[in-house]
Amino acid sequence: MIPFLRQLQGELKKLFARKRTYIGYGVFLVFEAILLTLWVNVGREQFEELAQRNFIPVELLSSSLTAAYWIMGFSMFLLGSIYFALVAGDIVAKETEDGNLRMVLARPVSRFRILALKYCAVLIYTVTFVIFVGVTGYGMAVLAMGSGGGLFVWNPELYILAVYPDSDEALRRLLTGACFMGMSMCVVTSLGFFFSCLKIKPAAASVMALSVFFIDFVLQNIPFLANHKEMFITFRMANWVYLLQEQVPWERVIESYAILTGLNASLFVVGWMVFQSRDFKT
């Protein structure tokens, strides 16, 4: 176990030594700054009107925790998936393209171990990235709007409406939701990793992963398929919001994340089988 952890540490160092790994961090910091600027200068009147119309305290809609929730909820699926696919699609295919894997495979180490290390590295990157967005979004919101206030959660697609006036409970809920959201986004990472194991270019692996993800997302939002949303992976991924509901429906949460975990495991196994059959000598 200790050698595996040391090798995983080396894989993480190699992952974060690449400049493209940090593109997502920079983009999200800029995005958070732009969104919060618009929130404070443009959207304040609309939020006050919405609060009055629905008898909700204004401090809940204009709080830093609510802003952090909207930052994660509105941006991670469409914007974050790009960078998860980019990093995961690069993790194997790039080293194959550069010829590094030929040298690695010359050593007495199994291909399964190599892929397991790389897969664990990109999963850690995914979960920590989501938490980073939540923490920095909350930090910027505190600077722009001040601390305090509660949390207002609204998701019409999942019929969720929750209010948390207590800031401590609201913060715990939001951190829990961020962790589960990170687990959801591991599906995009697994797709990128699977295509990276194939004999294709890194850019092609990332594009293929995004194509599958966005096709599923578009099909889920087609009106005549509204009664079949549970069939789509992106709907299951969005179930992290249930953790912010006042009474958490644990049956739905467990079911959705069991399906997502099975999908991730299947993508890894199929990618490993394809990688196992490849010839790196020629």
Protein backbone atom coordinates (compact mmCIF):
# COMPACT_ATOMS: atom_id res chain seq x y z
CA MET A 1 0.00 0.00 0.00
CA ILE A 2 2.80 2.43 0.86
CA PRO A 3 4.57 1.97 -2.53
CA PHE A 4 1.23 2.59 -4.27
CA LEU A 5 0.72 5.84 -2.34
CA ARG A 6 4.25 6.97 -3.17
CA GLN A 7 3.68 6.23 -6.85
CA LEU A 8 0.33 8.05 -6.66
CA GLN A 9 2.12 11.05 -5.19
CA GLY A 10 4.52 10.99 -8.12
CA GLU A 11 1.63 10.73 -10.57
CA LEU A 12 -0.05 13.73 -8.96
CA LYS A 13 3.18 15.73 -9.16
CA LYS A 14 3.42 14.87 -12.85
CA LEU A 15 -0.23 15.83 -13.37
CA PHE A 16 0.10 19.21 -11.68
CA ALA A 17 3.42 19.92 -13.42
CA ARG A 18 1.51 20.36 -16.71
CA LYS A 19 0.42 23.90 -17.45
CA ARG A 20 -2.90 22.87 -18.97
CA THR A 21 -3.94 21.42 -15.59
CA TYR A 22 -4.23 24.96 -14.23
CA ILE A 23 -6.32 26.39 -17.09
CA GLY A 24 -9.57 25.48 -15.34
CA TYR A 25 -8.50 27.09 -12.07
CA GLY A 26 -7.73 30.40 -13.78
CA VAL A 27 -10.91 30.39 -15.87
CA PHE A 28 -13.12 29.74 -12.86
CA LEU A 29 -11.50 32.50 -10.82
CA VAL A 30 -12.23 34.95 -13.66
CA PHE A 31 -15.75 33.56 -14.04
CA GLU A 32 -16.46 33.92 -10.32
CA ALA A 33 -15.23 37.52 -10.34
CA ILE A 34 -17.42 38.40 -13.36
CA LEU A 35 -20.51 36.67 -11.98
CA LEU A 36 -20.22 38.27 -8.55
CA THR A 37 -19.68 41.69 -10.09
CA LEU A 38 -22.87 41.28 -12.12
CA TRP A 39 -24.65 39.84 -9.07
CA VAL A 40 -23.86 42.89 -6.92
CA ASN A 41 -24.26 45.61 -9.55
CA VAL A 42 -27.00 44.26 -11.81
CA GLY A 43 -28.93 41.48 -10.13
CA ARG A 44 -29.49 42.95 -6.66
CA GLU A 45 -32.82 44.61 -7.55
CA GLN A 46 -34.13 41.44 -9.19
CA PHE A 47 -33.23 39.37 -6.13
CA GLU A 48 -34.96 41.86 -3.84
CA GLU A 49 -38.07 41.73 -6.01
CA LEU A 50 -37.99 37.91 -6.03
CA ALA A 51 -37.62 37.86 -2.24
CA GLN A 52 -40.58 40.18 -1.72
CA ARG A 53 -42.77 38.26 -4.15
CA ASN A 54 -42.08 34.91 -2.44
CA PHE A 55 -41.90 36.20 1.16
CA ILE A 56 -38.24 35.19 1.49
CA PRO A 57 -35.83 37.27 3.58
CA VAL A 58 -33.59 39.31 1.28
CA GLU A 59 -30.46 38.29 3.19
CA LEU A 60 -31.00 34.67 2.12
CA LEU A 61 -31.03 35.50 -1.59
CA SER A 62 -28.19 38.00 -1.33
CA SER A 63 -25.93 35.93 0.92
CA SER A 64 -22.45 34.67 0.09
CA LEU A 65 -23.50 31.03 0.60
CA THR A 66 -26.35 31.37 -1.91
CA ALA A 67 -23.94 32.97 -4.38
CA ALA A 68 -21.51 30.06 -3.95
CA TYR A 69 -24.36 27.60 -4.57
CA TRP A 70 -25.33 29.34 -7.82
CA ILE A 71 -21.69 29.50 -8.95
CA MET A 72 -21.29 25.74 -8.56
CA GLY A 73 -24.75 24.80 -9.79
CA PHE A 74 -24.78 26.90 -12.95
CA SER A 75 -21.17 26.56 -14.08
CA MET A 76 -19.75 23.18 -13.12
CA PHE A 77 -21.73 20.97 -15.51
CA LEU A 78 -21.14 22.99 -18.66
CA LEU A 79 -17.87 24.77 -17.90
CA GLY A 80 -16.15 22.38 -15.49
CA SER A 81 -16.74 19.35 -17.71
CA ILE A 82 -14.47 20.90 -20.36
CA TYR A 83 -11.45 20.89 -18.07
CA PHE A 84 -12.16 17.48 -16.57
CA ALA A 85 -12.31 16.00 -20.06
CA LEU A 86 -9.16 17.90 -21.05
CA VAL A 87 -7.10 16.58 -18.13
CA ALA A 88 -8.48 13.03 -18.22
CA GLY A 89 -8.17 12.75 -22.00
CA ASP A 90 -4.55 13.82 -21.70
CA ILE A 91 -3.47 11.54 -18.85
CA VAL A 92 -2.74 8.41 -20.92
CA ALA A 93 -2.92 9.50 -24.55
CA LYS A 94 -0.37 12.28 -24.11
CA GLU A 95 2.24 9.98 -22.61
CA THR A 96 1.57 7.48 -25.37
CA GLU A 97 2.03 10.20 -27.98
CA ASP A 98 5.28 11.40 -26.37
CA GLY A 99 6.64 7.87 -26.08
CA ASN A 100 6.89 7.95 -22.28
CA LEU A 101 4.77 4.84 -21.82
CA ARG A 102 7.22 2.71 -23.80
CA MET A 103 9.87 3.50 -21.21
CA VAL A 104 7.48 2.97 -18.29
CA LEU A 105 6.28 -0.39 -19.62
CA ALA A 106 9.89 -1.54 -19.96
CA ARG A 107 9.95 -1.80 -16.17
CA PRO A 108 8.49 -4.73 -14.21
CA VAL A 109 5.13 -3.09 -13.52
CA SER A 110 1.70 -4.19 -14.71
CA ARG A 111 -0.39 -2.11 -17.05
CA PHE A 112 -3.27 -2.34 -14.61
CA ARG A 113 -1.18 -0.68 -11.90
CA ILE A 114 -0.15 2.13 -14.24
CA LEU A 115 -3.74 2.82 -15.23
CA ALA A 116 -4.97 2.56 -11.64
CA LEU A 117 -2.45 5.21 -10.56
CA LYS A 118 -3.40 7.55 -13.38
CA TYR A 119 -7.11 7.02 -12.80
CA CYS A 120 -6.82 7.73 -9.07
CA ALA A 121 -4.84 10.88 -9.88
CA VAL A 122 -7.52 12.31 -12.19
CA LEU A 123 -10.29 11.41 -9.74
CA ILE A 124 -8.48 13.28 -6.98
CA TYR A 125 -8.04 16.22 -9.34
CA THR A 126 -11.77 16.24 -10.15
CA VAL A 127 -13.06 16.17 -6.57
CA THR A 128 -10.54 18.72 -5.29
CA PHE A 129 -11.27 21.02 -8.26
CA VAL A 130 -14.99 21.11 -7.41
CA ILE A 131 -14.20 21.84 -3.76
CA PHE A 132 -11.75 24.55 -4.90
CA VAL A 133 -14.50 26.24 -6.94
CA GLY A 134 -16.88 26.11 -3.98
CA VAL A 135 -14.33 27.50 -1.52
CA THR A 136 -13.05 30.27 -3.81
CA GLY A 137 -16.58 31.15 -4.89
CA TYR A 138 -17.62 31.51 -1.27
CA GLY A 139 -14.47 33.47 -0.43
CA MET A 140 -15.03 35.93 -3.28
CA ALA A 141 -18.70 36.24 -2.34
CA VAL A 142 -17.72 37.12 1.23
CA LEU A 143 -15.41 39.84 -0.08
CA ALA A 144 -18.12 41.19 -2.39
CA MET A 145 -21.23 40.75 -0.22
CA GLY A 146 -20.01 40.17 3.31
CA SER A 147 -20.30 37.11 5.50
CA GLY A 148 -23.39 35.91 7.29
CA GLY A 149 -26.80 35.11 5.92
CA GLY A 150 -28.19 31.70 5.17
CA LEU A 151 -28.69 29.58 2.09
CA PHE A 152 -31.52 29.54 -0.43
CA VAL A 153 -31.67 26.44 -2.65
CA TRP A 154 -33.95 26.26 -5.66
CA ASN A 155 -33.97 23.62 -8.38
CA PRO A 156 -37.23 23.47 -10.36
CA GLU A 157 -36.21 20.41 -12.38
CA LEU A 158 -35.84 18.28 -9.23
CA TYR A 159 -38.64 20.11 -7.39
CA ILE A 160 -36.32 21.27 -4.61
CA LEU A 161 -36.89 24.40 -2.57
CA ALA A 162 -35.00 24.72 0.72
CA VAL A 163 -34.15 27.57 3.05
CA TYR A 164 -31.43 27.48 5.72
CA PRO A 165 -31.35 30.62 7.88
CA ASP A 166 -28.60 29.18 10.10
CA SER A 167 -25.27 29.90 8.39
CA ASP A 168 -23.44 27.00 10.12
CA GLU A 169 -25.93 24.40 8.90
CA ALA A 170 -26.02 26.07 5.48
CA LEU A 171 -22.23 25.85 5.20
CA ARG A 172 -22.23 22.15 6.17
CA ARG A 173 -24.90 21.42 3.59
CA LEU A 174 -23.04 23.27 0.88
CA LEU A 175 -19.74 21.51 1.60
CA THR A 176 -21.49 18.13 1.57
CA GLY A 177 -23.15 19.00 -1.73
CA ALA A 178 -19.79 20.07 -3.19
CA CYS A 179 -18.25 16.69 -2.28
CA PHE A 180 -21.10 14.79 -3.92
CA MET A 181 -20.96 17.07 -6.93
CA GLY A 182 -17.27 16.17 -7.26
CA MET A 183 -18.27 12.51 -7.28
CA SER A 184 -20.82 13.27 -10.00
CA MET A 185 -18.26 15.02 -12.19
CA CYS A 186 -16.03 11.94 -11.97
CA VAL A 187 -18.25 10.53 -14.74
CA VAL A 188 -16.83 13.09 -17.19
CA THR A 189 -13.34 12.24 -15.95
CA SER A 190 -14.00 8.52 -16.45
CA LEU A 191 -15.21 9.15 -19.99
CA GLY A 192 -12.08 11.14 -20.79
CA PHE A 193 -9.90 8.47 -19.20
CA PHE A 194 -11.61 5.70 -21.20
CA PHE A 195 -11.07 7.44 -24.52
CA SER A 196 -7.50 8.27 -23.48
CA CYS A 197 -6.79 4.53 -23.26
CA LEU A 198 -7.69 4.12 -26.92
CA LYS A 199 -5.28 4.64 -29.78
CA ILE A 200 -6.23 8.26 -30.45
CA LYS A 201 -4.79 11.72 -29.91
CA PRO A 202 -5.26 13.48 -26.55
CA ALA A 203 -7.42 16.20 -28.10
CA ALA A 204 -9.62 13.59 -29.76
CA ALA A 205 -10.07 11.77 -26.44
CA SER A 206 -11.23 14.99 -24.76
CA VAL A 207 -13.60 15.86 -27.61
CA MET A 208 -15.11 12.36 -27.63
CA ALA A 209 -15.71 12.49 -23.87
CA LEU A 210 -17.39 15.89 -24.13
CA SER A 211 -19.46 14.72 -27.10
CA VAL A 212 -20.90 11.78 -25.14
CA PHE A 213 -21.56 13.99 -22.11
CA PHE A 214 -23.29 16.77 -24.06
CA ILE A 215 -25.35 14.34 -26.16
CA ASP A 216 -26.70 12.83 -22.96
CA PHE A 217 -27.36 16.33 -21.55
CA VAL A 218 -29.22 17.49 -24.68
CA LEU A 219 -31.35 14.34 -24.87
CA GLN A 220 -32.27 14.72 -21.21
CA ASN A 221 -33.62 18.22 -21.85
CA ILE A 222 -35.78 17.32 -24.86
CA PRO A 223 -39.43 17.89 -23.83
CA PHE A 224 -40.89 14.62 -25.10
CA LEU A 225 -38.29 12.67 -23.09
CA ALA A 226 -39.20 14.44 -19.84
CA ASN A 227 -40.83 11.28 -18.44
CA HIS A 228 -37.66 9.28 -19.05
CA LYS A 229 -35.07 11.55 -17.43
CA GLU A 230 -33.92 8.87 -15.01
CA MET A 231 -32.45 6.98 -17.96
CA PHE A 232 -29.84 9.68 -18.56
CA ILE A 233 -26.53 9.96 -16.77
CA THR A 234 -26.56 13.76 -16.54
CA PHE A 235 -29.85 13.57 -14.64
CA ARG A 236 -28.26 11.17 -12.15
CA MET A 237 -25.26 13.46 -11.87
CA ALA A 238 -27.53 16.36 -10.94
CA ASN A 239 -28.87 14.42 -7.95
CA TRP A 240 -26.18 15.95 -5.75
CA VAL A 241 -28.70 18.75 -5.15
CA TYR A 242 -30.77 16.31 -3.08
CA LEU A 243 -28.12 16.69 -0.38
CA LEU A 244 -29.30 20.29 0.01
CA GLN A 245 -32.93 19.30 0.50
CA GLU A 246 -34.23 19.65 4.05
CA GLN A 247 -35.26 15.98 4.16
CA VAL A 248 -32.61 14.16 2.12
CA PRO A 249 -34.13 11.32 0.02
CA TRP A 250 -31.31 8.89 0.71
CA GLU A 251 -32.90 6.15 -1.42
CA ARG A 252 -32.61 8.32 -4.54
CA VAL A 253 -29.13 9.49 -3.63
CA ILE A 254 -27.83 5.96 -3.00
CA GLU A 255 -29.47 4.65 -6.18
CA SER A 256 -28.03 7.42 -8.35
CA TYR A 257 -24.50 7.19 -6.99
CA ALA A 258 -24.53 3.39 -7.17
CA ILE A 259 -25.33 3.74 -10.89
CA LEU A 260 -22.63 6.39 -11.38
CA THR A 261 -20.06 4.30 -9.49
CA GLY A 262 -20.90 1.26 -11.62
CA LEU A 263 -20.53 3.35 -14.78
CA ASN A 264 -17.15 4.68 -13.65
CA ALA A 265 -15.93 1.19 -12.81
CA SER A 266 -17.15 -0.14 -16.17
CA LEU A 267 -15.40 2.62 -18.10
CA PHE A 268 -12.16 1.94 -16.25
CA VAL A 269 -12.34 -1.83 -16.82
CA VAL A 270 -13.14 -1.50 -20.53
CA GLY A 271 -10.39 1.10 -20.93
CA TRP A 272 -7.94 -1.20 -19.17
CA MET A 273 -8.91 -4.14 -21.41
CA VAL A 274 -8.31 -2.04 -24.53
CA PHE A 275 -5.04 -0.69 -23.14
CA GLN A 276 -3.94 -4.22 -22.21
CA SER A 277 -4.29 -5.36 -25.83
CA ARG A 278 -2.34 -2.47 -27.35
CA ASP A 279 1.13 -2.86 -28.83
CA PHE A 280 3.59 -0.12 -27.80
CA LYS A 281 6.67 -1.65 -29.44
CA THR A 282 5.87 -0.40 -32.92
